[in-house]
Amino acid sequence: RKQESGTFVHMSSTSGLIGNFGQANYSAAKLGMTALSKSIALDMQRYN
């Protein structure tokens, strides 16, 4: 925010995007990361 620049790359997973057998915890976390990323993009676009 102070330098008005920066990037985030979050390593999500198709397990989060579509679900996966035996991975309720991992899938939920990975889909949560995609929502986190989009919210960060919205909140911080004013700071480039």
ModelCIF file with pLDDT and N, C-alpha, C, O atoms, coordinates in Angstrom:
data_MODEL
#
_entry.id   MODEL 
#
_entity.id                         1 
_entity.type                       polymer 
_entity.pdbx_number_of_molecules   1 
#
_entity_poly.entity_id                      1 
_entity_poly.type                           'polypeptide(L)' 
_entity_poly.nstd_linkage                   no 
_entity_poly.nstd_monomer                   no 
_entity_poly.pdbx_seq_one_letter_code       RKQESGTFVHMSSTSGLIGNFGQANYSAAKLGMTALSKSIALDMQRYN 
_entity_poly.pdbx_seq_one_letter_code_can   RKQESGTFVHMSSTSGLIGNFGQANYSAAKLGMTALSKSIALDMQRYN 
_entity_poly.pdbx_strand_id                 A 
#
loop_
_entity_poly_seq.entity_id 
_entity_poly_seq.num 
_entity_poly_seq.mon_id 
_entity_poly_seq.hetero 
1 1  ARG n 
1 2  LYS n 
1 3  GLN n 
1 4  GLU n 
1 5  SER n 
1 6  GLY n 
1 7  THR n 
1 8  PHE n 
1 9  VAL n 
1 10 HIS n 
1 11 MET n 
1 12 SER n 
1 13 SER n 
1 14 THR n 
1 15 SER n 
1 16 GLY n 
1 17 LEU n 
1 18 ILE n 
1 19 GLY n 
1 20 ASN n 
1 21 PHE n 
1 22 GLY n 
1 23 GLN n 
1 24 ALA n 
1 25 ASN n 
1 26 TYR n 
1 27 SER n 
1 28 ALA n 
1 29 ALA n 
1 30 LYS n 
1 31 LEU n 
1 32 GLY n 
1 33 MET n 
1 34 THR n 
1 35 ALA n 
1 36 LEU n 
1 37 SER n 
1 38 LYS n 
1 39 SER n 
1 40 ILE n 
1 41 ALA n 
1 42 LEU n 
1 43 ASP n 
1 44 MET n 
1 45 GLN n 
1 46 ARG n 
1 47 TYR n 
1 48 ASN n 
#
_struct_asym.id          A 
_struct_asym.entity_id   1 
#
loop_
_ma_qa_metric.id 
_ma_qa_metric.mode 
_ma_qa_metric.name 
_ma_qa_metric.software_group_id 
_ma_qa_metric.type 
1 global pLDDT . pLDDT 
2 local  pLDDT . pLDDT 
#
_ma_qa_metric_global.metric_id      1 
_ma_qa_metric_global.metric_value   94.19 
_ma_qa_metric_global.model_id       1 
_ma_qa_metric_global.ordinal_id     1 
#
loop_
_ma_qa_metric_local.label_asym_id 
_ma_qa_metric_local.label_comp_id 
_ma_qa_metric_local.label_seq_id 
_ma_qa_metric_local.metric_id 
_ma_qa_metric_local.metric_value 
_ma_qa_metric_local.model_id 
_ma_qa_metric_local.ordinal_id 
A ARG 1  2 98.00 1 1  
A LYS 2  2 98.00 1 2  
A GLN 3  2 97.00 1 3  
A GLU 4  2 98.00 1 4  
A SER 5  2 98.00 1 5  
A GLY 6  2 98.00 1 6  
A THR 7  2 98.00 1 7  
A PHE 8  2 98.00 1 8  
A VAL 9  2 98.00 1 9  
A HIS 10 2 98.00 1 10 
A MET 11 2 96.00 1 11 
A SER 12 2 95.00 1 12 
A SER 13 2 89.00 1 13 
A THR 14 2 84.00 1 14 
A SER 15 2 84.00 1 15 
A GLY 16 2 82.00 1 16 
A LEU 17 2 86.00 1 17 
A ILE 18 2 82.00 1 18 
A GLY 19 2 80.00 1 19 
A ASN 20 2 81.00 1 20 
A PHE 21 2 82.00 1 21 
A GLY 22 2 87.00 1 22 
A GLN 23 2 90.00 1 23 
A ALA 24 2 93.00 1 24 
A ASN 25 2 96.00 1 25 
A TYR 26 2 95.00 1 26 
A SER 27 2 94.00 1 27 
A ALA 28 2 96.00 1 28 
A ALA 29 2 97.00 1 29 
A LYS 30 2 96.00 1 30 
A LEU 31 2 95.00 1 31 
A GLY 32 2 97.00 1 32 
A MET 33 2 97.00 1 33 
A THR 34 2 97.00 1 34 
A ALA 35 2 97.00 1 35 
A LEU 36 2 98.00 1 36 
A SER 37 2 98.00 1 37 
A LYS 38 2 98.00 1 38 
A SER 39 2 98.00 1 39 
A ILE 40 2 98.00 1 40 
A ALA 41 2 98.00 1 41 
A LEU 42 2 98.00 1 42 
A ASP 43 2 98.00 1 43 
A MET 44 2 98.00 1 44 
A GLN 45 2 98.00 1 45 
A ARG 46 2 98.00 1 46 
A TYR 47 2 98.00 1 47 
A ASN 48 2 98.00 1 48 
#
loop_
_atom_site.group_PDB 
_atom_site.id 
_atom_site.type_symbol 
_atom_site.label_atom_id 
_atom_site.label_alt_id 
_atom_site.label_comp_id 
_atom_site.label_asym_id 
_atom_site.label_entity_id 
_atom_site.label_seq_id 
_atom_site.pdbx_PDB_ins_code 
_atom_site.Cartn_x 
_atom_site.Cartn_y 
_atom_site.Cartn_z 
_atom_site.occupancy 
_atom_site.B_iso_or_equiv 
_atom_site.pdbx_formal_charge 
_atom_site.auth_seq_id 
_atom_site.auth_comp_id 
_atom_site.auth_asym_id 
_atom_site.auth_atom_id 
_atom_site.pdbx_PDB_model_num 
ATOM 1   N N  . ARG A 1 1  ? 0.829   -1.202  0.000  1.00 98.00 ? 1  ARG A N  1 
ATOM 2   C CA . ARG A 1 1  ? 0.000   0.000   0.000  1.00 98.00 ? 1  ARG A CA 1 
ATOM 3   C C  . ARG A 1 1  ? 0.869   1.260   0.000  1.00 98.00 ? 1  ARG A C  1 
ATOM 4   O O  . ARG A 1 1  ? 0.596   2.219   -0.721 1.00 98.00 ? 1  ARG A O  1 
ATOM 5   N N  . LYS A 1 2  ? 1.918   1.235   0.822  1.00 98.00 ? 2  LYS A N  1 
ATOM 6   C CA . LYS A 1 2  ? 2.783   2.412   0.923  1.00 98.00 ? 2  LYS A CA 1 
ATOM 7   C C  . LYS A 1 2  ? 3.566   2.663   -0.367 1.00 98.00 ? 2  LYS A C  1 
ATOM 8   O O  . LYS A 1 2  ? 3.758   3.809   -0.771 1.00 98.00 ? 2  LYS A O  1 
ATOM 9   N N  . GLN A 1 3  ? 4.016   1.583   -1.008 1.00 97.00 ? 3  GLN A N  1 
ATOM 10  C CA . GLN A 1 3  ? 4.803   1.765   -2.231 1.00 97.00 ? 3  GLN A CA 1 
ATOM 11  C C  . GLN A 1 3  ? 3.923   1.785   -3.482 1.00 97.00 ? 3  GLN A C  1 
ATOM 12  O O  . GLN A 1 3  ? 4.403   2.050   -4.584 1.00 97.00 ? 3  GLN A O  1 
ATOM 13  N N  . GLU A 1 4  ? 2.634   1.504   -3.301 1.00 98.00 ? 4  GLU A N  1 
ATOM 14  C CA . GLU A 1 4  ? 1.647   1.501   -4.381 1.00 98.00 ? 4  GLU A CA 1 
ATOM 15  C C  . GLU A 1 4  ? 2.054   0.562   -5.512 1.00 98.00 ? 4  GLU A C  1 
ATOM 16  O O  . GLU A 1 4  ? 2.007   0.908   -6.693 1.00 98.00 ? 4  GLU A O  1 
ATOM 17  N N  . SER A 1 5  ? 2.450   -0.626  -5.104 1.00 98.00 ? 5  SER A N  1 
ATOM 18  C CA . SER A 1 5  ? 2.757   -1.677  -6.078 1.00 98.00 ? 5  SER A CA 1 
ATOM 19  C C  . SER A 1 5  ? 2.909   -3.001  -5.345 1.00 98.00 ? 5  SER A C  1 
ATOM 20  O O  . SER A 1 5  ? 3.132   -3.032  -4.135 1.00 98.00 ? 5  SER A O  1 
ATOM 21  N N  . GLY A 1 6  ? 2.786   -4.092  -6.091 1.00 98.00 ? 6  GLY A N  1 
ATOM 22  C CA . GLY A 1 6  ? 2.977   -5.414  -5.512 1.00 98.00 ? 6  GLY A CA 1 
ATOM 23  C C  . GLY A 1 6  ? 2.051   -6.433  -6.143 1.00 98.00 ? 6  GLY A C  1 
ATOM 24  O O  . GLY A 1 6  ? 1.023   -6.085  -6.725 1.00 98.00 ? 6  GLY A O  1 
ATOM 25  N N  . THR A 1 7  ? 2.432   -7.710  -6.019 1.00 98.00 ? 7  THR A N  1 
ATOM 26  C CA . THR A 1 7  ? 1.631   -8.787  -6.603 1.00 98.00 ? 7  THR A CA 1 
ATOM 27  C C  . THR A 1 7  ? 1.486   -9.936  -5.625 1.00 98.00 ? 7  THR A C  1 
ATOM 28  O O  . THR A 1 7  ? 2.355   -10.192 -4.791 1.00 98.00 ? 7  THR A O  1 
ATOM 29  N N  . PHE A 1 8  ? 0.355   -10.622 -5.755 1.00 98.00 ? 8  PHE A N  1 
ATOM 30  C CA . PHE A 1 8  ? 0.120   -11.877 -5.050 1.00 98.00 ? 8  PHE A CA 1 
ATOM 31  C C  . PHE A 1 8  ? -0.210  -12.951 -6.075 1.00 98.00 ? 8  PHE A C  1 
ATOM 32  O O  . PHE A 1 8  ? -0.977  -12.719 -7.010 1.00 98.00 ? 8  PHE A O  1 
ATOM 33  N N  . VAL A 1 9  ? 0.375   -14.126 -5.891 1.00 98.00 ? 9  VAL A N  1 
ATOM 34  C CA . VAL A 1 9  ? -0.011  -15.319 -6.645 1.00 98.00 ? 9  VAL A CA 1 
ATOM 35  C C  . VAL A 1 9  ? -0.337  -16.399 -5.624 1.00 98.00 ? 9  VAL A C  1 
ATOM 36  O O  . VAL A 1 9  ? 0.514   -16.783 -4.820 1.00 98.00 ? 9  VAL A O  1 
ATOM 37  N N  . HIS A 1 10 ? -1.556  -16.881 -5.659 1.00 98.00 ? 10 HIS A N  1 
ATOM 38  C CA . HIS A 1 10 ? -2.014  -17.903 -4.722 1.00 98.00 ? 10 HIS A CA 1 
ATOM 39  C C  . HIS A 1 10 ? -2.160  -19.222 -5.476 1.00 98.00 ? 10 HIS A C  1 
ATOM 40  O O  . HIS A 1 10 ? -2.846  -19.282 -6.496 1.00 98.00 ? 10 HIS A O  1 
ATOM 41  N N  . MET A 1 11 ? -1.524  -20.265 -4.984 1.00 96.00 ? 11 MET A N  1 
ATOM 42  C CA . MET A 1 11 ? -1.608  -21.559 -5.653 1.00 96.00 ? 11 MET A CA 1 
ATOM 43  C C  . MET A 1 11 ? -2.858  -22.283 -5.165 1.00 96.00 ? 11 MET A C  1 
ATOM 44  O O  . MET A 1 11 ? -2.879  -22.864 -4.080 1.00 96.00 ? 11 MET A O  1 
ATOM 45  N N  . SER A 1 12 ? -3.893  -22.233 -5.992 1.00 95.00 ? 12 SER A N  1 
ATOM 46  C CA . SER A 1 12 ? -5.158  -22.880 -5.683 1.00 95.00 ? 12 SER A CA 1 
ATOM 47  C C  . SER A 1 12 ? -5.099  -24.334 -6.162 1.00 95.00 ? 12 SER A C  1 
ATOM 48  O O  . SER A 1 12 ? -4.018  -24.921 -6.217 1.00 95.00 ? 12 SER A O  1 
ATOM 49  N N  . SER A 1 13 ? -6.228  -24.906 -6.500 1.00 89.00 ? 13 SER A N  1 
ATOM 50  C CA . SER A 1 13 ? -6.276  -26.300 -6.956 1.00 89.00 ? 13 SER A CA 1 
ATOM 51  C C  . SER A 1 13 ? -7.606  -26.569 -7.624 1.00 89.00 ? 13 SER A C  1 
ATOM 52  O O  . SER A 1 13 ? -8.626  -25.981 -7.263 1.00 89.00 ? 13 SER A O  1 
ATOM 53  N N  . THR A 1 14 ? -7.590  -27.464 -8.605 1.00 84.00 ? 14 THR A N  1 
ATOM 54  C CA . THR A 1 14 ? -8.856  -27.902 -9.175 1.00 84.00 ? 14 THR A CA 1 
ATOM 55  C C  . THR A 1 14 ? -9.696  -28.638 -8.137 1.00 84.00 ? 14 THR A C  1 
ATOM 56  O O  . THR A 1 14 ? -10.916 -28.722 -8.280 1.00 84.00 ? 14 THR A O  1 
ATOM 57  N N  . SER A 1 15 ? -9.062  -29.170 -7.097 1.00 84.00 ? 15 SER A N  1 
ATOM 58  C CA . SER A 1 15 ? -9.836  -29.771 -6.003 1.00 84.00 ? 15 SER A CA 1 
ATOM 59  C C  . SER A 1 15 ? -10.743 -28.739 -5.357 1.00 84.00 ? 15 SER A C  1 
ATOM 60  O O  . SER A 1 15 ? -11.837 -29.074 -4.902 1.00 84.00 ? 15 SER A O  1 
ATOM 61  N N  . GLY A 1 16 ? -10.302 -27.487 -5.312 1.00 82.00 ? 16 GLY A N  1 
ATOM 62  C CA . GLY A 1 16 ? -11.122 -26.423 -4.779 1.00 82.00 ? 16 GLY A CA 1 
ATOM 63  C C  . GLY A 1 16 ? -12.167 -25.956 -5.772 1.00 82.00 ? 16 GLY A C  1 
ATOM 64  O O  . GLY A 1 16 ? -13.284 -25.614 -5.383 1.00 82.00 ? 16 GLY A O  1 
ATOM 65  N N  . LEU A 1 17 ? -11.818 -25.938 -7.051 1.00 86.00 ? 17 LEU A N  1 
ATOM 66  C CA . LEU A 1 17 ? -12.730 -25.417 -8.064 1.00 86.00 ? 17 LEU A CA 1 
ATOM 67  C C  . LEU A 1 17 ? -13.875 -26.367 -8.352 1.00 86.00 ? 17 LEU A C  1 
ATOM 68  O O  . LEU A 1 17 ? -14.977 -25.925 -8.676 1.00 86.00 ? 17 LEU A O  1 
ATOM 69  N N  . ILE A 1 18 ? -13.632 -27.683 -8.240 1.00 82.00 ? 18 ILE A N  1 
ATOM 70  C CA . ILE A 1 18 ? -14.682 -28.651 -8.584 1.00 82.00 ? 18 ILE A CA 1 
ATOM 71  C C  . ILE A 1 18 ? -14.939 -29.671 -7.484 1.00 82.00 ? 18 ILE A C  1 
ATOM 72  O O  . ILE A 1 18 ? -15.871 -30.467 -7.597 1.00 82.00 ? 18 ILE A O  1 
ATOM 73  N N  . GLY A 1 19 ? -14.132 -29.669 -6.415 1.00 80.00 ? 19 GLY A N  1 
ATOM 74  C CA . GLY A 1 19 ? -14.263 -30.682 -5.366 1.00 80.00 ? 19 GLY A CA 1 
ATOM 75  C C  . GLY A 1 19 ? -13.448 -31.920 -5.694 1.00 80.00 ? 19 GLY A C  1 
ATOM 76  O O  . GLY A 1 19 ? -13.067 -32.137 -6.844 1.00 80.00 ? 19 GLY A O  1 
ATOM 77  N N  . ASN A 1 20 ? -13.181 -32.736 -4.673 1.00 81.00 ? 20 ASN A N  1 
ATOM 78  C CA . ASN A 1 20 ? -12.432 -33.966 -4.898 1.00 81.00 ? 20 ASN A CA 1 
ATOM 79  C C  . ASN A 1 20 ? -12.720 -34.959 -3.780 1.00 81.00 ? 20 ASN A C  1 
ATOM 80  O O  . ASN A 1 20 ? -12.952 -34.572 -2.635 1.00 81.00 ? 20 ASN A O  1 
ATOM 81  N N  . PHE A 1 21 ? -12.702 -36.202 -4.115 1.00 82.00 ? 21 PHE A N  1 
ATOM 82  C CA . PHE A 1 21 ? -12.979 -37.271 -3.160 1.00 82.00 ? 21 PHE A CA 1 
ATOM 83  C C  . PHE A 1 21 ? -11.916 -37.290 -2.060 1.00 82.00 ? 21 PHE A C  1 
ATOM 84  O O  . PHE A 1 21 ? -10.718 -37.264 -2.343 1.00 82.00 ? 21 PHE A O  1 
ATOM 85  N N  . GLY A 1 22 ? -12.361 -37.333 -0.815 1.00 87.00 ? 22 GLY A N  1 
ATOM 86  C CA . GLY A 1 22 ? -11.442 -37.447 0.311  1.00 87.00 ? 22 GLY A CA 1 
ATOM 87  C C  . GLY A 1 22 ? -10.657 -36.195 0.637  1.00 87.00 ? 22 GLY A C  1 
ATOM 88  O O  . GLY A 1 22 ? -9.669  -36.255 1.368  1.00 87.00 ? 22 GLY A O  1 
ATOM 89  N N  . GLN A 1 23 ? -11.086 -35.054 0.101  1.00 90.00 ? 23 GLN A N  1 
ATOM 90  C CA . GLN A 1 23 ? -10.327 -33.818 0.314  1.00 90.00 ? 23 GLN A CA 1 
ATOM 91  C C  . GLN A 1 23 ? -11.228 -32.649 0.700  1.00 90.00 ? 23 GLN A C  1 
ATOM 92  O O  . GLN A 1 23 ? -11.035 -31.537 0.209  1.00 90.00 ? 23 GLN A O  1 
ATOM 93  N N  . ALA A 1 24 ? -12.196 -32.879 1.561  1.00 93.00 ? 24 ALA A N  1 
ATOM 94  C CA . ALA A 1 24 ? -13.097 -31.790 1.962  1.00 93.00 ? 24 ALA A CA 1 
ATOM 95  C C  . ALA A 1 24 ? -12.325 -30.633 2.573  1.00 93.00 ? 24 ALA A C  1 
ATOM 96  O O  . ALA A 1 24 ? -12.636 -29.472 2.306  1.00 93.00 ? 24 ALA A O  1 
ATOM 97  N N  . ASN A 1 25 ? -11.322 -30.934 3.390  1.00 96.00 ? 25 ASN A N  1 
ATOM 98  C CA . ASN A 1 25 ? -10.529 -29.886 4.031  1.00 96.00 ? 25 ASN A CA 1 
ATOM 99  C C  . ASN A 1 25 ? -9.701  -29.112 3.006  1.00 96.00 ? 25 ASN A C  1 
ATOM 100 O O  . ASN A 1 25 ? -9.730  -27.882 2.971  1.00 96.00 ? 25 ASN A O  1 
ATOM 101 N N  . TYR A 1 26 ? -8.974  -29.835 2.187  1.00 95.00 ? 26 TYR A N  1 
ATOM 102 C CA . TYR A 1 26 ? -8.105  -29.230 1.171  1.00 95.00 ? 26 TYR A CA 1 
ATOM 103 C C  . TYR A 1 26 ? -8.925  -28.465 0.136  1.00 95.00 ? 26 TYR A C  1 
ATOM 104 O O  . TYR A 1 26 ? -8.564  -27.352 -0.246 1.00 95.00 ? 26 TYR A O  1 
ATOM 105 N N  . SER A 1 27 ? -10.033 -29.066 -0.318 1.00 94.00 ? 27 SER A N  1 
ATOM 106 C CA . SER A 1 27 ? -10.877 -28.413 -1.319 1.00 94.00 ? 27 SER A CA 1 
ATOM 107 C C  . SER A 1 27 ? -11.458 -27.119 -0.790 1.00 94.00 ? 27 SER A C  1 
ATOM 108 O O  . SER A 1 27 ? -11.471 -26.105 -1.488 1.00 94.00 ? 27 SER A O  1 
ATOM 109 N N  . ALA A 1 28 ? -11.945 -27.151 0.462  1.00 96.00 ? 28 ALA A N  1 
ATOM 110 C CA . ALA A 1 28 ? -12.522 -25.945 1.057  1.00 96.00 ? 28 ALA A CA 1 
ATOM 111 C C  . ALA A 1 28 ? -11.468 -24.846 1.183  1.00 96.00 ? 28 ALA A C  1 
ATOM 112 O O  . ALA A 1 28 ? -11.745 -23.681 0.898  1.00 96.00 ? 28 ALA A O  1 
ATOM 113 N N  . ALA A 1 29 ? -10.264 -25.218 1.608  1.00 97.00 ? 29 ALA A N  1 
ATOM 114 C CA . ALA A 1 29 ? -9.192  -24.234 1.758  1.00 97.00 ? 29 ALA A CA 1 
ATOM 115 C C  . ALA A 1 29 ? -8.802  -23.640 0.411  1.00 97.00 ? 29 ALA A C  1 
ATOM 116 O O  . ALA A 1 29 ? -8.598  -22.431 0.303  1.00 97.00 ? 29 ALA A O  1 
ATOM 117 N N  . LYS A 1 30 ? -8.697  -24.473 -0.609 1.00 96.00 ? 30 LYS A N  1 
ATOM 118 C CA . LYS A 1 30 ? -8.253  -23.991 -1.913 1.00 96.00 ? 30 LYS A CA 1 
ATOM 119 C C  . LYS A 1 30 ? -9.301  -23.115 -2.592 1.00 96.00 ? 30 LYS A C  1 
ATOM 120 O O  . LYS A 1 30 ? -8.955  -22.130 -3.245 1.00 96.00 ? 30 LYS A O  1 
ATOM 121 N N  . LEU A 1 31 ? -10.580 -23.464 -2.445 1.00 95.00 ? 31 LEU A N  1 
ATOM 122 C CA . LEU A 1 31 ? -11.601 -22.588 -2.993 1.00 95.00 ? 31 LEU A CA 1 
ATOM 123 C C  . LEU A 1 31 ? -11.639 -21.281 -2.210 1.00 95.00 ? 31 LEU A C  1 
ATOM 124 O O  . LEU A 1 31 ? -11.857 -20.214 -2.783 1.00 95.00 ? 31 LEU A O  1 
ATOM 125 N N  . GLY A 1 32 ? -11.426 -21.367 -0.901 1.00 97.00 ? 32 GLY A N  1 
ATOM 126 C CA . GLY A 1 32 ? -11.334 -20.156 -0.096 1.00 97.00 ? 32 GLY A CA 1 
ATOM 127 C C  . GLY A 1 32 ? -10.213 -19.245 -0.565 1.00 97.00 ? 32 GLY A C  1 
ATOM 128 O O  . GLY A 1 32 ? -10.351 -18.023 -0.527 1.00 97.00 ? 32 GLY A O  1 
ATOM 129 N N  . MET A 1 33 ? -9.114  -19.822 -1.002 1.00 97.00 ? 33 MET A N  1 
ATOM 130 C CA . MET A 1 33 ? -7.999  -19.017 -1.500 1.00 97.00 ? 33 MET A CA 1 
ATOM 131 C C  . MET A 1 33 ? -8.370  -18.241 -2.760 1.00 97.00 ? 33 MET A C  1 
ATOM 132 O O  . MET A 1 33 ? -7.909  -17.117 -2.957 1.00 97.00 ? 33 MET A O  1 
ATOM 133 N N  . THR A 1 34 ? -9.198  -18.835 -3.607 1.00 97.00 ? 34 THR A N  1 
ATOM 134 C CA . THR A 1 34 ? -9.602  -18.111 -4.817 1.00 97.00 ? 34 THR A CA 1 
ATOM 135 C C  . THR A 1 34 ? -10.489 -16.921 -4.455 1.00 97.00 ? 34 THR A C  1 
ATOM 136 O O  . THR A 1 34 ? -10.375 -15.855 -5.060 1.00 97.00 ? 34 THR A O  1 
ATOM 137 N N  . ALA A 1 35 ? -11.372 -17.100 -3.470 1.00 97.00 ? 35 ALA A N  1 
ATOM 138 C CA . ALA A 1 35 ? -12.204 -15.982 -3.022 1.00 97.00 ? 35 ALA A CA 1 
ATOM 139 C C  . ALA A 1 35 ? -11.360 -14.915 -2.337 1.00 97.00 ? 35 ALA A C  1 
ATOM 140 O O  . ALA A 1 35 ? -11.583 -13.719 -2.524 1.00 97.00 ? 35 ALA A O  1 
ATOM 141 N N  . LEU A 1 36 ? -10.393 -15.358 -1.546 1.00 98.00 ? 36 LEU A N  1 
ATOM 142 C CA . LEU A 1 36 ? -9.468  -14.417 -0.912 1.00 98.00 ? 36 LEU A CA 1 
ATOM 143 C C  . LEU A 1 36 ? -8.743  -13.599 -1.971 1.00 98.00 ? 36 LEU A C  1 
ATOM 144 O O  . LEU A 1 36 ? -8.636  -12.378 -1.856 1.00 98.00 ? 36 LEU A O  1 
ATOM 145 N N  . SER A 1 37 ? -8.250  -14.271 -2.995 1.00 98.00 ? 37 SER A N  1 
ATOM 146 C CA . SER A 1 37 ? -7.505  -13.586 -4.045 1.00 98.00 ? 37 SER A CA 1 
ATOM 147 C C  . SER A 1 37 ? -8.363  -12.542 -4.748 1.00 98.00 ? 37 SER A C  1 
ATOM 148 O O  . SER A 1 37 ? -7.902  -11.428 -4.998 1.00 98.00 ? 37 SER A O  1 
ATOM 149 N N  . LYS A 1 38 ? -9.606  -12.892 -5.068 1.00 98.00 ? 38 LYS A N  1 
ATOM 150 C CA . LYS A 1 38 ? -10.469 -11.943 -5.769 1.00 98.00 ? 38 LYS A CA 1 
ATOM 151 C C  . LYS A 1 38 ? -10.815 -10.751 -4.885 1.00 98.00 ? 38 LYS A C  1 
ATOM 152 O O  . LYS A 1 38 ? -10.921 -9.624  -5.368 1.00 98.00 ? 38 LYS A O  1 
ATOM 153 N N  . SER A 1 39 ? -10.989 -10.998 -3.602 1.00 98.00 ? 39 SER A N  1 
ATOM 154 C CA . SER A 1 39 ? -11.290 -9.901  -2.687 1.00 98.00 ? 39 SER A CA 1 
ATOM 155 C C  . SER A 1 39 ? -10.084 -8.987  -2.511 1.00 98.00 ? 39 SER A C  1 
ATOM 156 O O  . SER A 1 39 ? -10.227 -7.766  -2.451 1.00 98.00 ? 39 SER A O  1 
ATOM 157 N N  . ILE A 1 40 ? -8.887  -9.586  -2.427 1.00 98.00 ? 40 ILE A N  1 
ATOM 158 C CA . ILE A 1 40 ? -7.669  -8.765  -2.380 1.00 98.00 ? 40 ILE A CA 1 
ATOM 159 C C  . ILE A 1 40 ? -7.562  -7.914  -3.634 1.00 98.00 ? 40 ILE A C  1 
ATOM 160 O O  . ILE A 1 40 ? -7.233  -6.730  -3.561 1.00 98.00 ? 40 ILE A O  1 
ATOM 161 N N  . ALA A 1 41 ? -7.842  -8.520  -4.790 1.00 98.00 ? 41 ALA A N  1 
ATOM 162 C CA . ALA A 1 41 ? -7.764  -7.781  -6.053 1.00 98.00 ? 41 ALA A CA 1 
ATOM 163 C C  . ALA A 1 41 ? -8.694  -6.575  -6.030 1.00 98.00 ? 41 ALA A C  1 
ATOM 164 O O  . ALA A 1 41 ? -8.325  -5.497  -6.495 1.00 98.00 ? 41 ALA A O  1 
ATOM 165 N N  . LEU A 1 42 ? -9.897  -6.751  -5.494 1.00 98.00 ? 42 LEU A N  1 
ATOM 166 C CA . LEU A 1 42 ? -10.852 -5.648  -5.417 1.00 98.00 ? 42 LEU A CA 1 
ATOM 167 C C  . LEU A 1 42 ? -10.406 -4.583  -4.416 1.00 98.00 ? 42 LEU A C  1 
ATOM 168 O O  . LEU A 1 42 ? -10.452 -3.389  -4.710 1.00 98.00 ? 42 LEU A O  1 
ATOM 169 N N  . ASP A 1 43 ? -9.976  -5.020  -3.239 1.00 98.00 ? 43 ASP A N  1 
ATOM 170 C CA . ASP A 1 43 ? -9.620  -4.086  -2.175 1.00 98.00 ? 43 ASP A CA 1 
ATOM 171 C C  . ASP A 1 43 ? -8.370  -3.280  -2.479 1.00 98.00 ? 43 ASP A C  1 
ATOM 172 O O  . ASP A 1 43 ? -8.255  -2.127  -2.065 1.00 98.00 ? 43 ASP A O  1 
ATOM 173 N N  . MET A 1 44 ? -7.419  -3.890  -3.212 1.00 98.00 ? 44 MET A N  1 
ATOM 174 C CA . MET A 1 44 ? -6.109  -3.260  -3.351 1.00 98.00 ? 44 MET A CA 1 
ATOM 175 C C  . MET A 1 44 ? -5.806  -2.746  -4.751 1.00 98.00 ? 44 MET A C  1 
ATOM 176 O O  . MET A 1 44 ? -4.686  -2.319  -5.032 1.00 98.00 ? 44 MET A O  1 
ATOM 177 N N  . GLN A 1 45 ? -6.809  -2.787  -5.633 1.00 98.00 ? 45 GLN A N  1 
ATOM 178 C CA . GLN A 1 45 ? -6.540  -2.287  -6.980 1.00 98.00 ? 45 GLN A CA 1 
ATOM 179 C C  . GLN A 1 45 ? -6.207  -0.799  -6.979 1.00 98.00 ? 45 GLN A C  1 
ATOM 180 O O  . GLN A 1 45 ? -5.488  -0.324  -7.857 1.00 98.00 ? 45 GLN A O  1 
ATOM 181 N N  . ARG A 1 46 ? -6.726  -0.062  -5.998 1.00 98.00 ? 46 ARG A N  1 
ATOM 182 C CA . ARG A 1 46 ? -6.443  1.375   -5.921 1.00 98.00 ? 46 ARG A CA 1 
ATOM 183 C C  . ARG A 1 46 ? -4.968  1.643   -5.643 1.00 98.00 ? 46 ARG A C  1 
ATOM 184 O O  . ARG A 1 46 ? -4.474  2.744   -5.885 1.00 98.00 ? 46 ARG A O  1 
ATOM 185 N N  . TYR A 1 47 ? -4.270  0.632   -5.133 1.00 98.00 ? 47 TYR A N  1 
ATOM 186 C CA . TYR A 1 47 ? -2.839  0.777   -4.839 1.00 98.00 ? 47 TYR A CA 1 
ATOM 187 C C  . TYR A 1 47 ? -1.965  0.087   -5.893 1.00 98.00 ? 47 TYR A C  1 
ATOM 188 O O  . TYR A 1 47 ? -0.777  -0.143  -5.667 1.00 98.00 ? 47 TYR A O  1 
ATOM 189 N N  . ASN A 1 48 ? -2.557  -0.238  -7.033 1.00 98.00 ? 48 ASN A N  1 
ATOM 190 C CA . ASN A 1 48 ? -1.834  -0.910  -8.122 1.00 98.00 ? 48 ASN A CA 1 
ATOM 191 C C  . ASN A 1 48 ? -1.310  -2.281  -7.706 1.00 98.00 ? 48 ASN A C  1 
ATOM 192 O O  . ASN A 1 48 ? -0.682  -2.971  -8.508 1.00 98.00 ? 48 ASN A O  1 
#
